[in-house]
Amino acid sequence: MENVDIIIILLFGVTFLGVLSKKFNFPLPIALVLSGILISLIPGLPVISLQPDVVFFVFLPPLLYGAAWNTSWRDFKAAIRPISFAAIGLVFLTTLAVAWAAHELIENLSWPEAFLLGAIVSPPDAVAATSVTKGLGLHPRITAILEGESLVNDASGLIAYKYALAAVTTQFVLWKAGLNFLWVSACGVAIGLFIAYVIYLIHKKFFCDPVLEVTLSFLTPFASYLIAEHFEVSGVLAVVTSGLYLSFRSDETFSNESRIMTYAVWQAVIFILNALVFILIGLQLRDVIKGINNYPWQTLASSALIISAVVILVRFIWVIPAALVPKALSKRIREEEPFDARNMVIFGWAGMRGVVSMAAALGLPVILASGENFKNRELIVYLSFCVILITLLLLGGSLKWVVRKLKIEPYSLVAEEYEVRNTVVKTAIGYIEDNLSLVQEDLLDNIKSKYEVKYNRLQKTELPANYFGKGKMLAGNIFNEYSQLQIDLLKVERQTIQQMHRKGDASEEILRKMERELDLEETRLKLEIYDSGYNG
């Protein structure tokens, strides 16, 4: 690939922006989309385009698999009704509304092209949703709905995208497309489950090396996507299904080292792919602007604003019947799901578009299957980028302010964590007493003492004063002081080992082994430290 050196340099720059976004608590998706604009303003950079098949194959499988891996299947299943409503109904309603608005606003934009634009900008982005809502102290159900909706929305939106793209060059029959949609969706899920089960068996029965396990995990989404696409069904749904299945069973298939390595590798891969997508759009943006210079700038600006407004308003309109109608029709839903109108506002406000929409726009072909130039490609890419930019800046940038204005009480898992840890420690002590009575006395005392220390520390944990009364789980800290003290002592151990290594008193092999032990222990302690995630 040409111009690799330029992409690497730009990737360094985008990574530095990512560092700044972490340091100043600025949502990473907003930093990425702004980096695309900055790259487009650098003079002399080449225009780099990839083939549509390459874009879809390289970017979409790992991005969707990573989002599925980080989605809780239990929470996903519990919120399947609102997720399904949004994943199908909201996506297609947004597609129709955007298509109508774009067709009315822009001359020479055909209905299939307008639907193509609608399909690209219809799904919210899972990475953007989790990045922007992180640290806001939202209720886990709201977070689960947003993550699950973004995940499945990507699948339904990209299926609609493929139909719209096919309609640009071929005759389109709605009822046939509807039946085909059901077929490719069901078969995509089935293939995803099949591939996931095969990979699960391979992991469980043959693998014992963390590097090989992580490598197989990295290859899994590409295998699911390729096999599903080979049979002309939804590769996107196959990838999502595989990710959900294998994530749910990761405790059975991965060793502790493999899990630590897998999460680290996937976090790096997702960041790099996100960065590359916005680097590519930055390198193409100047050329895209040249391709639409026959339109008056007033038309381009107003069209971008109006289409973005349609995307945002449709979501707010949809959430009202989607939330209220099921409660009106079902007594069980009214009793089991407490209603808070403020959550409807949060759901509506969290409709940021992101990297999946951008990848779909970049995947538009320059030459259509008929051999003709795709004359409105640059216009669709431009409008898609504008919708991503506006929704991220307007909605993502103000979501924290909205949460504060709504005075939503920050949700904390402190009490739930207390109960879980208490049960785990008591179960371990019970196992020691019931099954390890024949173990050597000194060894038994040491093991039992370790768990008794944990249990005694739990009993001294300060929970919110009204926890046992009202049962509310408010923000607070658990184990922090004790765990932080242990982390500080680990730093002393690490410095001591390093000093011994420099003096020649500890070999490289011993150094690396003990460093890894300390790293794993520090990782455990940092996970144990409770963080409310809310900055007030």
Protein backbone atom coordinates (compact mmCIF):
# COMPACT_ATOMS: atom_id res chain seq x y z
CA MET A 1 0.00 0.00 0.00
CA GLU A 2 1.32 3.41 -0.97
CA ASN A 3 1.73 6.31 1.47
CA VAL A 4 2.04 4.00 4.47
CA ASP A 5 4.56 6.37 6.03
CA ILE A 6 2.05 9.24 5.93
CA ILE A 7 -0.66 7.10 7.55
CA ILE A 8 1.75 6.01 10.31
CA ILE A 9 2.72 9.63 11.05
CA LEU A 10 -0.94 10.67 11.10
CA LEU A 11 -1.72 7.71 13.37
CA PHE A 12 0.88 9.03 15.81
CA GLY A 13 -0.86 12.42 15.72
CA VAL A 14 -4.32 10.95 16.28
CA THR A 15 -2.95 8.81 19.14
CA PHE A 16 -1.59 11.96 20.76
CA LEU A 17 -5.05 13.52 20.47
CA GLY A 18 -6.38 10.39 22.15
CA VAL A 19 -3.91 10.92 25.00
CA LEU A 20 -5.10 14.51 25.38
CA SER A 21 -8.75 13.41 25.35
CA LYS A 22 -8.04 11.03 28.24
CA LYS A 23 -6.06 13.61 30.18
CA PHE A 24 -8.71 16.32 29.86
CA ASN A 25 -11.72 13.97 30.07
CA PHE A 26 -12.82 14.74 26.51
CA PRO A 27 -14.85 12.06 24.65
CA LEU A 28 -12.57 10.17 22.29
CA PRO A 29 -15.07 9.95 19.36
CA ILE A 30 -15.27 13.75 19.28
CA ALA A 31 -11.46 13.96 19.25
CA LEU A 32 -11.36 11.49 16.34
CA VAL A 33 -13.88 13.33 14.18
CA LEU A 34 -12.07 16.62 14.84
CA SER A 35 -8.80 14.93 13.86
CA GLY A 36 -10.37 14.08 10.50
CA ILE A 37 -11.10 17.78 9.93
CA LEU A 38 -7.57 18.79 10.97
CA ILE A 39 -6.03 16.23 8.60
CA SER A 40 -8.11 17.56 5.70
CA LEU A 41 -6.66 21.04 6.31
CA ILE A 42 -3.01 19.91 6.02
CA PRO A 43 -1.80 20.92 2.53
CA GLY A 44 0.02 18.47 0.30
CA LEU A 45 -1.37 15.25 1.72
CA PRO A 46 -2.39 12.63 -0.86
CA VAL A 47 -5.90 11.34 -1.40
CA ILE A 48 -6.00 7.70 -0.30
CA SER A 49 -9.00 5.58 -1.24
CA LEU A 50 -9.67 1.92 -0.53
CA GLN A 51 -11.85 -0.49 -2.43
CA PRO A 52 -15.33 -0.84 -0.84
CA ASP A 53 -14.82 -4.55 -0.19
CA VAL A 54 -11.54 -3.79 1.59
CA VAL A 55 -13.18 -1.14 3.78
CA PHE A 56 -15.99 -3.44 4.82
CA PHE A 57 -13.75 -6.46 5.39
CA VAL A 58 -10.92 -4.68 7.24
CA PHE A 59 -12.93 -2.34 9.46
CA LEU A 60 -16.43 -3.63 10.13
CA PRO A 61 -15.83 -7.19 11.47
CA PRO A 62 -13.39 -6.21 14.26
CA LEU A 63 -15.30 -3.03 15.16
CA LEU A 64 -18.60 -4.86 15.50
CA TYR A 65 -17.02 -7.87 17.22
CA GLY A 66 -15.29 -5.63 19.74
CA ALA A 67 -18.57 -3.88 20.53
CA ALA A 68 -20.36 -7.24 20.88
CA TRP A 69 -17.60 -8.60 23.11
CA ASN A 70 -18.05 -5.72 25.54
CA THR A 71 -21.84 -6.09 25.63
CA SER A 72 -23.34 -8.10 28.48
CA TRP A 73 -25.57 -10.87 27.10
CA ARG A 74 -27.57 -10.93 30.34
CA ASP A 75 -28.29 -7.20 30.17
CA PHE A 76 -28.87 -7.44 26.42
CA LYS A 77 -31.45 -10.20 26.86
CA ALA A 78 -33.16 -8.34 29.73
CA ALA A 79 -33.58 -5.25 27.55
CA ILE A 80 -34.34 -7.08 24.30
CA ARG A 81 -37.73 -5.37 23.79
CA PRO A 82 -36.53 -1.73 23.71
CA ILE A 83 -33.38 -2.79 21.88
CA SER A 84 -35.40 -4.55 19.17
CA PHE A 85 -37.79 -1.62 18.80
CA ALA A 86 -34.88 0.75 18.29
CA ALA A 87 -32.79 -1.65 16.21
CA ILE A 88 -35.47 -2.24 13.62
CA GLY A 89 -38.23 0.34 13.90
CA LEU A 90 -36.08 3.38 14.69
CA VAL A 91 -33.44 2.53 12.09
CA PHE A 92 -35.92 2.17 9.27
CA LEU A 93 -37.96 5.18 10.36
CA THR A 94 -34.76 7.27 10.41
CA THR A 95 -33.78 5.90 7.00
CA LEU A 96 -37.17 6.86 5.53
CA ALA A 97 -37.20 10.31 7.13
CA VAL A 98 -33.65 11.16 6.04
CA ALA A 99 -34.33 9.84 2.53
CA TRP A 100 -37.42 12.01 2.19
CA ALA A 101 -35.64 15.11 3.52
CA ALA A 102 -32.56 14.59 1.33
CA HIS A 103 -34.64 13.96 -1.80
CA GLU A 104 -36.68 17.11 -1.21
CA LEU A 105 -33.70 19.30 -0.38
CA ILE A 106 -31.17 18.29 -3.02
CA GLU A 107 -31.78 18.32 -6.73
CA ASN A 108 -30.60 15.36 -8.80
CA LEU A 109 -30.45 13.09 -5.74
CA SER A 110 -32.39 9.97 -6.70
CA TRP A 111 -34.59 8.09 -4.27
CA PRO A 112 -32.18 5.10 -4.07
CA GLU A 113 -29.29 7.51 -3.30
CA ALA A 114 -31.40 9.28 -0.69
CA PHE A 115 -32.24 5.95 0.94
CA LEU A 116 -28.54 5.07 0.84
CA LEU A 117 -27.73 8.23 2.80
CA GLY A 118 -30.51 7.43 5.27
CA ALA A 119 -29.18 3.90 5.81
CA ILE A 120 -25.65 5.20 6.43
CA VAL A 121 -26.64 7.73 9.12
CA SER A 122 -29.48 5.74 10.72
CA PRO A 123 -27.52 3.59 13.24
CA PRO A 124 -26.03 5.22 16.36
CA ASP A 125 -22.50 4.16 17.15
CA ALA A 126 -21.74 1.75 20.01
CA VAL A 127 -18.25 3.15 20.63
CA ALA A 128 -19.56 6.72 20.68
CA ALA A 129 -22.42 5.82 23.02
CA THR A 130 -20.22 4.04 25.56
CA SER A 131 -17.45 6.65 25.38
CA VAL A 132 -19.74 9.63 25.85
CA THR A 133 -21.97 8.08 28.56
CA LYS A 134 -19.06 6.66 30.56
CA GLY A 135 -18.71 8.37 33.90
CA LEU A 136 -22.24 9.85 33.94
CA GLY A 137 -23.57 7.44 36.56
CA LEU A 138 -26.48 6.28 34.38
CA HIS A 139 -28.66 3.36 35.45
CA PRO A 140 -27.29 0.04 34.09
CA ARG A 141 -30.54 -0.62 32.20
CA ILE A 142 -30.18 2.63 30.26
CA THR A 143 -26.56 1.82 29.49
CA ALA A 144 -27.51 -1.71 28.39
CA ILE A 145 -30.23 -0.37 26.07
CA LEU A 146 -27.87 2.17 24.52
CA GLU A 147 -25.10 -0.36 23.98
CA GLY A 148 -27.42 -3.10 22.72
CA GLU A 149 -29.31 -0.71 20.46
CA SER A 150 -26.09 0.62 18.94
CA LEU A 151 -24.85 -2.91 18.36
CA VAL A 152 -27.96 -4.30 16.64
CA ASN A 153 -28.68 -1.00 14.89
CA ASP A 154 -25.36 -1.31 13.10
CA ALA A 155 -26.49 -4.66 11.73
CA SER A 156 -29.94 -3.55 10.55
CA GLY A 157 -28.58 -0.24 9.23
CA LEU A 158 -25.89 -1.96 7.19
CA ILE A 159 -28.39 -4.46 5.78
CA ALA A 160 -30.55 -1.51 4.68
CA TYR A 161 -27.38 0.08 3.27
CA LYS A 162 -26.72 -2.95 1.04
CA TYR A 163 -30.26 -2.94 -0.29
CA ALA A 164 -30.13 0.79 -0.98
CA LEU A 165 -26.79 0.44 -2.75
CA ALA A 166 -28.17 -2.37 -4.90
CA ALA A 167 -31.22 -0.21 -5.73
CA VAL A 168 -28.95 2.51 -7.15
CA THR A 169 -28.18 0.29 -10.17
CA THR A 170 -30.94 -2.35 -10.22
CA GLN A 171 -34.71 -2.49 -10.02
CA PHE A 172 -35.92 -2.61 -6.42
CA VAL A 173 -39.03 -4.51 -5.30
CA LEU A 174 -40.02 -3.70 -1.71
CA TRP A 175 -41.82 -6.91 -0.77
CA LYS A 176 -39.01 -9.09 -2.14
CA ALA A 177 -36.48 -7.01 -0.22
CA GLY A 178 -38.54 -7.47 2.97
CA LEU A 179 -38.61 -11.26 2.64
CA ASN A 180 -34.93 -11.32 1.73
CA PHE A 181 -34.16 -9.17 4.78
CA LEU A 182 -35.72 -11.79 7.07
CA TRP A 183 -33.85 -14.58 5.29
CA VAL A 184 -30.38 -12.99 5.36
CA SER A 185 -30.89 -11.89 8.98
CA ALA A 186 -31.95 -15.33 10.25
CA CYS A 187 -29.21 -17.11 8.30
CA GLY A 188 -26.61 -14.57 9.43
CA VAL A 189 -27.49 -15.24 13.07
CA ALA A 190 -27.44 -19.01 12.47
CA ILE A 191 -24.01 -18.93 10.82
CA GLY A 192 -22.71 -16.67 13.58
CA LEU A 193 -23.86 -19.15 16.23
CA PHE A 194 -22.34 -22.07 14.31
CA ILE A 195 -18.97 -20.38 13.89
CA ALA A 196 -18.99 -19.24 17.53
CA TYR A 197 -19.72 -22.78 18.77
CA VAL A 198 -16.91 -24.23 16.65
CA ILE A 199 -14.49 -21.60 17.96
CA TYR A 200 -15.73 -22.28 21.49
CA LEU A 201 -14.94 -25.99 21.13
CA ILE A 202 -11.50 -25.25 19.69
CA HIS A 203 -10.70 -22.87 22.54
CA LYS A 204 -11.95 -25.30 25.19
CA LYS A 205 -10.42 -28.52 23.93
CA PHE A 206 -7.18 -27.59 22.17
CA PHE A 207 -5.78 -24.24 23.25
CA CYS A 208 -3.63 -23.55 26.27
CA ASP A 209 -1.34 -20.78 25.01
CA PRO A 210 -2.50 -17.18 25.56
CA VAL A 211 -0.89 -15.86 22.36
CA LEU A 212 -2.62 -18.48 20.21
CA GLU A 213 -5.95 -17.94 21.98
CA VAL A 214 -5.79 -14.19 21.40
CA THR A 215 -4.81 -14.76 17.76
CA LEU A 216 -7.82 -17.03 17.24
CA SER A 217 -10.04 -14.46 18.96
CA PHE A 218 -8.75 -11.80 16.56
CA LEU A 219 -9.44 -14.00 13.51
CA THR A 220 -12.94 -15.06 14.61
CA PRO A 221 -14.87 -11.98 13.38
CA PHE A 222 -13.22 -12.19 9.96
CA ALA A 223 -14.11 -15.89 9.68
CA SER A 224 -17.75 -15.21 10.65
CA TYR A 225 -18.01 -12.32 8.19
CA LEU A 226 -16.38 -14.15 5.26
CA ILE A 227 -18.38 -17.35 5.63
CA ALA A 228 -21.70 -15.51 5.98
CA GLU A 229 -20.94 -13.26 3.00
CA HIS A 230 -19.93 -16.32 0.97
CA PHE A 231 -23.45 -17.67 1.44
CA GLU A 232 -24.85 -14.18 0.65
CA VAL A 233 -26.37 -13.62 4.07
CA SER A 234 -25.66 -10.97 6.71
CA GLY A 235 -21.99 -11.05 7.66
CA VAL A 236 -22.64 -8.20 10.07
CA LEU A 237 -25.18 -10.18 12.10
CA ALA A 238 -22.92 -13.23 12.01
CA VAL A 239 -20.09 -11.19 13.56
CA VAL A 240 -22.35 -9.66 16.22
CA THR A 241 -23.80 -13.07 17.13
CA SER A 242 -20.36 -14.66 17.38
CA GLY A 243 -19.14 -11.85 19.62
CA LEU A 244 -22.09 -12.07 22.01
CA TYR A 245 -21.89 -15.88 22.26
CA LEU A 246 -18.14 -16.10 22.85
CA SER A 247 -18.08 -13.17 25.26
CA PHE A 248 -20.78 -14.85 27.35
CA ARG A 249 -18.70 -18.05 27.51
CA SER A 250 -15.27 -16.44 27.89
CA ASP A 251 -14.95 -17.75 31.46
CA GLU A 252 -15.11 -21.33 30.10
CA THR A 253 -12.73 -20.88 27.17
CA PHE A 254 -10.02 -18.42 28.20
CA SER A 255 -7.36 -18.69 30.87
CA ASN A 256 -6.77 -15.72 33.16
CA GLU A 257 -3.70 -14.69 31.13
CA SER A 258 -5.63 -14.99 27.88
CA ARG A 259 -8.45 -12.80 29.16
CA ILE A 260 -6.06 -10.06 30.30
CA MET A 261 -4.23 -10.19 26.98
CA THR A 262 -7.44 -10.37 24.92
CA TYR A 263 -8.97 -7.27 26.46
CA ALA A 264 -5.71 -5.35 26.06
CA VAL A 265 -5.27 -6.38 22.42
CA TRP A 266 -8.86 -5.61 21.49
CA GLN A 267 -8.78 -2.18 23.13
CA ALA A 268 -5.70 -1.32 21.06
CA VAL A 269 -7.17 -2.76 17.84
CA ILE A 270 -10.46 -0.87 18.22
CA PHE A 271 -8.64 2.40 18.85
CA ILE A 272 -6.35 1.94 15.84
CA LEU A 273 -9.25 1.05 13.53
CA ASN A 274 -11.29 4.04 14.74
CA ALA A 275 -8.29 6.28 14.17
CA LEU A 276 -7.63 4.85 10.70
CA VAL A 277 -11.22 5.43 9.59
CA PHE A 278 -11.05 9.12 10.47
CA ILE A 279 -7.56 9.43 8.99
CA LEU A 280 -8.93 8.08 5.71
CA ILE A 281 -11.89 10.45 5.75
CA GLY A 282 -9.49 13.30 6.50
CA LEU A 283 -7.36 12.34 3.51
CA GLN A 284 -10.44 12.16 1.28
CA LEU A 285 -12.33 15.16 2.64
CA ARG A 286 -10.60 17.77 0.50
CA ASP A 287 -11.32 15.69 -2.61
CA VAL A 288 -14.91 15.19 -1.44
CA ILE A 289 -15.38 18.96 -1.12
CA LYS A 290 -14.02 19.43 -4.65
CA GLY A 291 -16.50 16.86 -5.93
CA ILE A 292 -19.48 18.87 -4.62
CA ASN A 293 -18.33 22.37 -5.57
CA ASN A 294 -21.10 22.56 -8.19
CA TYR A 295 -23.58 22.94 -5.31
CA PRO A 296 -23.95 26.37 -3.65
CA TRP A 297 -22.39 26.40 -0.19
CA GLN A 298 -25.70 27.60 1.25
CA THR A 299 -27.37 24.46 -0.08
CA LEU A 300 -24.64 22.22 1.31
CA ALA A 301 -24.69 23.86 4.73
CA SER A 302 -28.47 23.96 5.05
CA SER A 303 -28.82 20.36 3.82
CA ALA A 304 -26.28 19.14 6.39
CA LEU A 305 -28.04 20.99 9.22
CA ILE A 306 -31.55 19.92 8.21
CA ILE A 307 -30.64 16.25 7.71
CA SER A 308 -28.82 16.24 11.07
CA ALA A 309 -31.90 17.81 12.66
CA VAL A 310 -34.10 15.09 11.12
CA VAL A 311 -31.80 12.38 12.50
CA ILE A 312 -31.98 13.91 15.99
CA LEU A 313 -35.72 14.74 16.01
CA VAL A 314 -36.84 11.34 14.71
CA ARG A 315 -35.08 9.71 17.67
CA PHE A 316 -36.84 11.99 20.18
CA ILE A 317 -40.20 11.40 18.49
CA TRP A 318 -39.70 7.63 18.40
CA VAL A 319 -38.82 7.26 22.06
CA ILE A 320 -42.25 8.48 23.25
CA PRO A 321 -44.46 5.68 21.81
CA ALA A 322 -41.65 3.13 22.17
CA ALA A 323 -41.53 3.75 25.93
CA LEU A 324 -45.19 4.47 26.69
CA VAL A 325 -47.15 2.05 24.49
CA PRO A 326 -45.69 -1.19 25.97
CA LYS A 327 -46.38 0.10 29.49
CA ALA A 328 -49.96 0.98 28.56
CA LEU A 329 -50.55 -2.49 27.09
CA SER A 330 -48.79 -4.62 29.70
CA LYS A 331 -49.37 -4.66 33.45
CA ARG A 332 -46.23 -6.76 33.92
CA ILE A 333 -44.07 -4.11 32.25
CA ARG A 334 -45.64 -1.38 34.39
CA GLU A 335 -44.85 -3.34 37.55
CA GLU A 336 -41.37 -4.57 36.66
CA GLU A 337 -39.93 -1.53 34.88
CA PRO A 338 -40.11 1.71 36.87
CA PHE A 339 -40.84 4.66 34.63
CA ASP A 340 -38.78 7.84 34.65
CA ALA A 341 -39.41 10.36 31.87
CA ARG A 342 -35.87 11.67 32.28
CA ASN A 343 -34.54 8.39 30.91
CA MET A 344 -36.46 9.05 27.68
CA VAL A 345 -34.57 12.34 27.34
CA ILE A 346 -31.25 10.59 27.94
CA PHE A 347 -32.07 7.95 25.32
CA GLY A 348 -33.01 10.60 22.79
CA TRP A 349 -29.90 12.62 23.54
CA ALA A 350 -27.54 9.65 23.17
CA GLY A 351 -28.04 9.19 19.42
CA MET A 352 -24.49 9.99 18.35
CA ARG A 353 -23.29 8.65 15.02
CA GLY A 354 -19.73 7.45 14.63
CA VAL A 355 -17.19 5.18 13.06
CA VAL A 356 -19.53 2.55 11.57
CA SER A 357 -21.45 5.19 9.60
CA MET A 358 -18.15 6.70 8.48
CA ALA A 359 -16.81 3.32 7.36
CA ALA A 360 -20.03 2.67 5.43
CA ALA A 361 -19.68 6.05 3.69
CA LEU A 362 -16.04 5.34 2.82
CA GLY A 363 -17.15 1.97 1.46
CA LEU A 364 -19.29 3.57 -1.25
CA PRO A 365 -17.94 2.56 -4.69
CA VAL A 366 -16.54 5.16 -7.06
CA ILE A 367 -17.71 3.08 -10.04
CA LEU A 368 -21.12 1.42 -9.93
CA ALA A 369 -21.77 -2.16 -11.03
CA SER A 370 -23.18 -0.78 -14.30
CA GLY A 371 -19.80 0.78 -15.10
CA GLU A 372 -21.02 4.35 -14.53
CA ASN A 373 -19.43 6.81 -12.13
CA PHE A 374 -21.24 7.19 -8.83
CA LYS A 375 -21.83 10.90 -9.40
CA ASN A 376 -23.32 11.68 -5.99
CA ARG A 377 -20.82 9.64 -3.94
CA GLU A 378 -18.94 12.70 -2.66
CA LEU A 379 -22.20 14.40 -1.69
CA ILE A 380 -23.32 11.37 0.36
CA VAL A 381 -19.89 11.09 2.05
CA TYR A 382 -19.98 14.82 2.87
CA LEU A 383 -23.47 14.69 4.37
CA SER A 384 -22.64 11.55 6.35
CA PHE A 385 -19.56 13.21 7.83
CA CYS A 386 -21.59 16.31 8.72
CA VAL A 387 -24.21 14.22 10.55
CA ILE A 388 -21.48 12.44 12.51
CA LEU A 389 -19.78 15.73 13.34
CA ILE A 390 -22.97 17.52 14.40
CA THR A 391 -24.40 14.67 16.48
CA LEU A 392 -21.10 14.09 18.27
CA LEU A 393 -20.49 17.77 19.00
CA LEU A 394 -24.08 18.77 19.76
CA LEU A 395 -25.38 15.67 21.52
CA GLY A 396 -22.20 14.06 22.80
CA GLY A 397 -20.69 17.34 23.92
CA SER A 398 -23.75 18.35 25.93
CA LEU A 399 -24.92 15.00 27.34
CA LYS A 400 -23.11 15.45 30.64
CA TRP A 401 -24.70 18.89 31.04
CA VAL A 402 -28.14 17.40 30.29
CA VAL A 403 -27.68 14.70 32.95
CA ARG A 404 -26.82 17.37 35.49
CA LYS A 405 -29.76 19.59 34.52
CA LEU A 406 -32.16 16.66 34.79
CA LYS A 407 -30.77 16.03 38.29
CA ILE A 408 -30.54 12.31 37.67
CA GLU A 409 -29.25 10.61 40.80
CA PRO A 410 -25.97 8.90 39.92
CA TYR A 411 -26.32 5.14 40.02
CA SER A 412 -23.66 3.14 41.84
CA LEU A 413 -23.00 -0.59 42.03
CA VAL A 414 -21.36 -0.28 45.46
CA ALA A 415 -24.03 -2.21 47.36
CA GLU A 416 -24.32 -4.91 44.71
CA GLU A 417 -20.55 -5.30 44.75
CA TYR A 418 -20.63 -5.60 48.54
CA GLU A 419 -23.18 -8.42 48.41
CA VAL A 420 -21.34 -10.30 45.66
CA ARG A 421 -17.96 -10.08 47.37
CA ASN A 422 -19.50 -11.08 50.70
CA THR A 423 -21.09 -14.18 49.17
CA VAL A 424 -17.91 -15.16 47.30
CA VAL A 425 -15.70 -14.87 50.39
CA LYS A 426 -18.14 -16.77 52.65
CA THR A 427 -18.45 -19.53 50.04
CA ALA A 428 -14.64 -19.83 49.82
CA ILE A 429 -14.33 -20.01 53.63
CA GLY A 430 -17.05 -22.66 53.71
CA TYR A 431 -15.23 -24.70 51.07
CA ILE A 432 -12.00 -24.50 53.07
CA GLU A 433 -13.75 -25.72 56.24
CA ASP A 434 -15.65 -28.52 54.49
CA ASN A 435 -13.04 -29.88 52.07
CA LEU A 436 -9.54 -28.95 53.22
CA SER A 437 -9.50 -30.38 56.75
CA LEU A 438 -6.78 -32.91 55.84
CA VAL A 439 -4.38 -30.28 54.47
CA GLN A 440 -1.23 -29.54 56.49
CA GLU A 441 -2.18 -27.35 59.47
CA ASP A 442 0.20 -24.44 58.77
CA LEU A 443 -0.87 -24.30 55.14
CA LEU A 444 -4.55 -24.50 56.08
CA ASP A 445 -4.17 -21.68 58.61
CA ASN A 446 -2.48 -19.43 56.04
CA ILE A 447 -5.12 -20.06 53.40
CA LYS A 448 -8.01 -19.58 55.80
CA SER A 449 -6.41 -16.45 57.26
CA LYS A 450 -6.27 -14.86 53.82
CA TYR A 451 -10.04 -15.21 53.32
CA GLU A 452 -10.86 -14.25 56.89
CA VAL A 453 -8.96 -10.99 56.37
CA LYS A 454 -11.09 -10.34 53.27
CA TYR A 455 -14.25 -11.16 55.19
CA ASN A 456 -13.38 -8.94 58.15
CA ARG A 457 -12.53 -6.08 55.81
CA LEU A 458 -15.92 -6.49 54.14
CA GLN A 459 -17.70 -6.20 57.47
CA LYS A 460 -15.95 -2.89 58.12
CA THR A 461 -16.88 -1.49 54.71
CA GLU A 462 -18.89 1.69 54.99
CA LEU A 463 -21.99 1.47 52.84
CA PRO A 464 -24.39 4.36 52.27
CA ALA A 465 -26.33 5.07 55.47
CA ASN A 466 -29.68 4.37 53.83
CA TYR A 467 -28.59 1.19 52.03
CA PHE A 468 -30.24 -1.26 54.39
CA GLY A 469 -33.24 1.04 54.80
CA LYS A 470 -34.34 2.24 51.38
CA GLY A 471 -32.21 -0.11 49.35
CA LYS A 472 -30.83 2.67 47.12
CA MET A 473 -27.37 2.16 45.68
CA LEU A 474 -25.66 5.54 45.92
CA ALA A 475 -22.18 6.54 44.81
CA GLY A 476 -19.38 5.74 47.26
CA ASN A 477 -16.09 3.93 47.74
CA ILE A 478 -15.37 0.36 48.74
CA PHE A 479 -11.99 -1.11 49.79
CA ASN A 480 -10.18 1.86 48.23
CA GLU A 481 -7.84 2.76 51.07
CA TYR A 482 -6.74 -0.82 51.76
CA SER A 483 -6.30 -1.67 48.07
CA GLN A 484 -4.43 1.57 47.33
CA LEU A 485 -2.02 0.79 50.18
CA GLN A 486 -1.29 -2.59 48.60
CA ILE A 487 -0.71 -0.92 45.22
CA ASP A 488 1.76 1.49 46.81
CA LEU A 489 3.63 -1.47 48.34
CA LEU A 490 3.71 -3.20 44.94
CA LYS A 491 5.49 -0.14 43.57
CA VAL A 492 8.11 -0.52 46.30
CA GLU A 493 8.57 -4.18 45.35
CA ARG A 494 8.86 -3.26 41.66
CA GLN A 495 11.49 -0.58 42.37
CA THR A 496 13.47 -3.00 44.53
CA ILE A 497 13.52 -5.64 41.79
CA GLN A 498 14.57 -3.05 39.20
CA GLN A 499 17.43 -1.85 41.41
CA MET A 500 18.62 -5.43 41.96
CA HIS A 501 18.48 -6.03 38.21
CA ARG A 502 20.56 -2.93 37.49
CA LYS A 503 23.18 -4.04 40.05
CA GLY A 504 23.32 -7.52 38.49
CA ASP A 505 21.75 -9.24 41.49
CA ALA A 506 18.64 -10.37 39.54
CA SER A 507 18.65 -11.90 36.05
CA GLU A 508 16.44 -10.68 33.21
CA GLU A 509 14.32 -13.83 33.36
CA ILE A 510 13.65 -13.43 37.08
CA LEU A 511 12.91 -9.72 36.58
CA ARG A 512 10.31 -10.35 33.86
CA LYS A 513 8.64 -13.15 35.81
CA MET A 514 8.32 -11.12 39.00
CA GLU A 515 7.24 -8.01 37.08
CA ARG A 516 4.43 -10.02 35.50
CA GLU A 517 3.33 -11.29 38.93
CA LEU A 518 3.24 -7.73 40.24
CA ASP A 519 1.42 -6.48 37.14
CA LEU A 520 -1.29 -9.11 37.51
CA GLU A 521 -1.67 -8.35 41.22
CA GLU A 522 -1.86 -4.61 40.54
CA THR A 523 -4.47 -5.24 37.83
CA ARG A 524 -6.55 -7.22 40.34
CA LEU A 525 -6.29 -4.51 42.98
CA LYS A 526 -7.19 -1.73 40.54
CA LEU A 527 -10.27 -3.69 39.52
CA GLU A 528 -11.15 -4.08 43.19
CA ILE A 529 -10.98 -0.34 43.80
CA TYR A 530 -14.50 0.94 43.42
CA ASP A 531 -15.01 3.99 41.23
CA SER A 532 -18.48 5.51 41.07
CA GLY A 533 -17.68 6.80 37.59
CA TYR A 534 -19.45 10.05 38.30
CA ASN A 535 -17.61 13.32 38.56
CA GLY A 536 -20.53 15.37 39.82
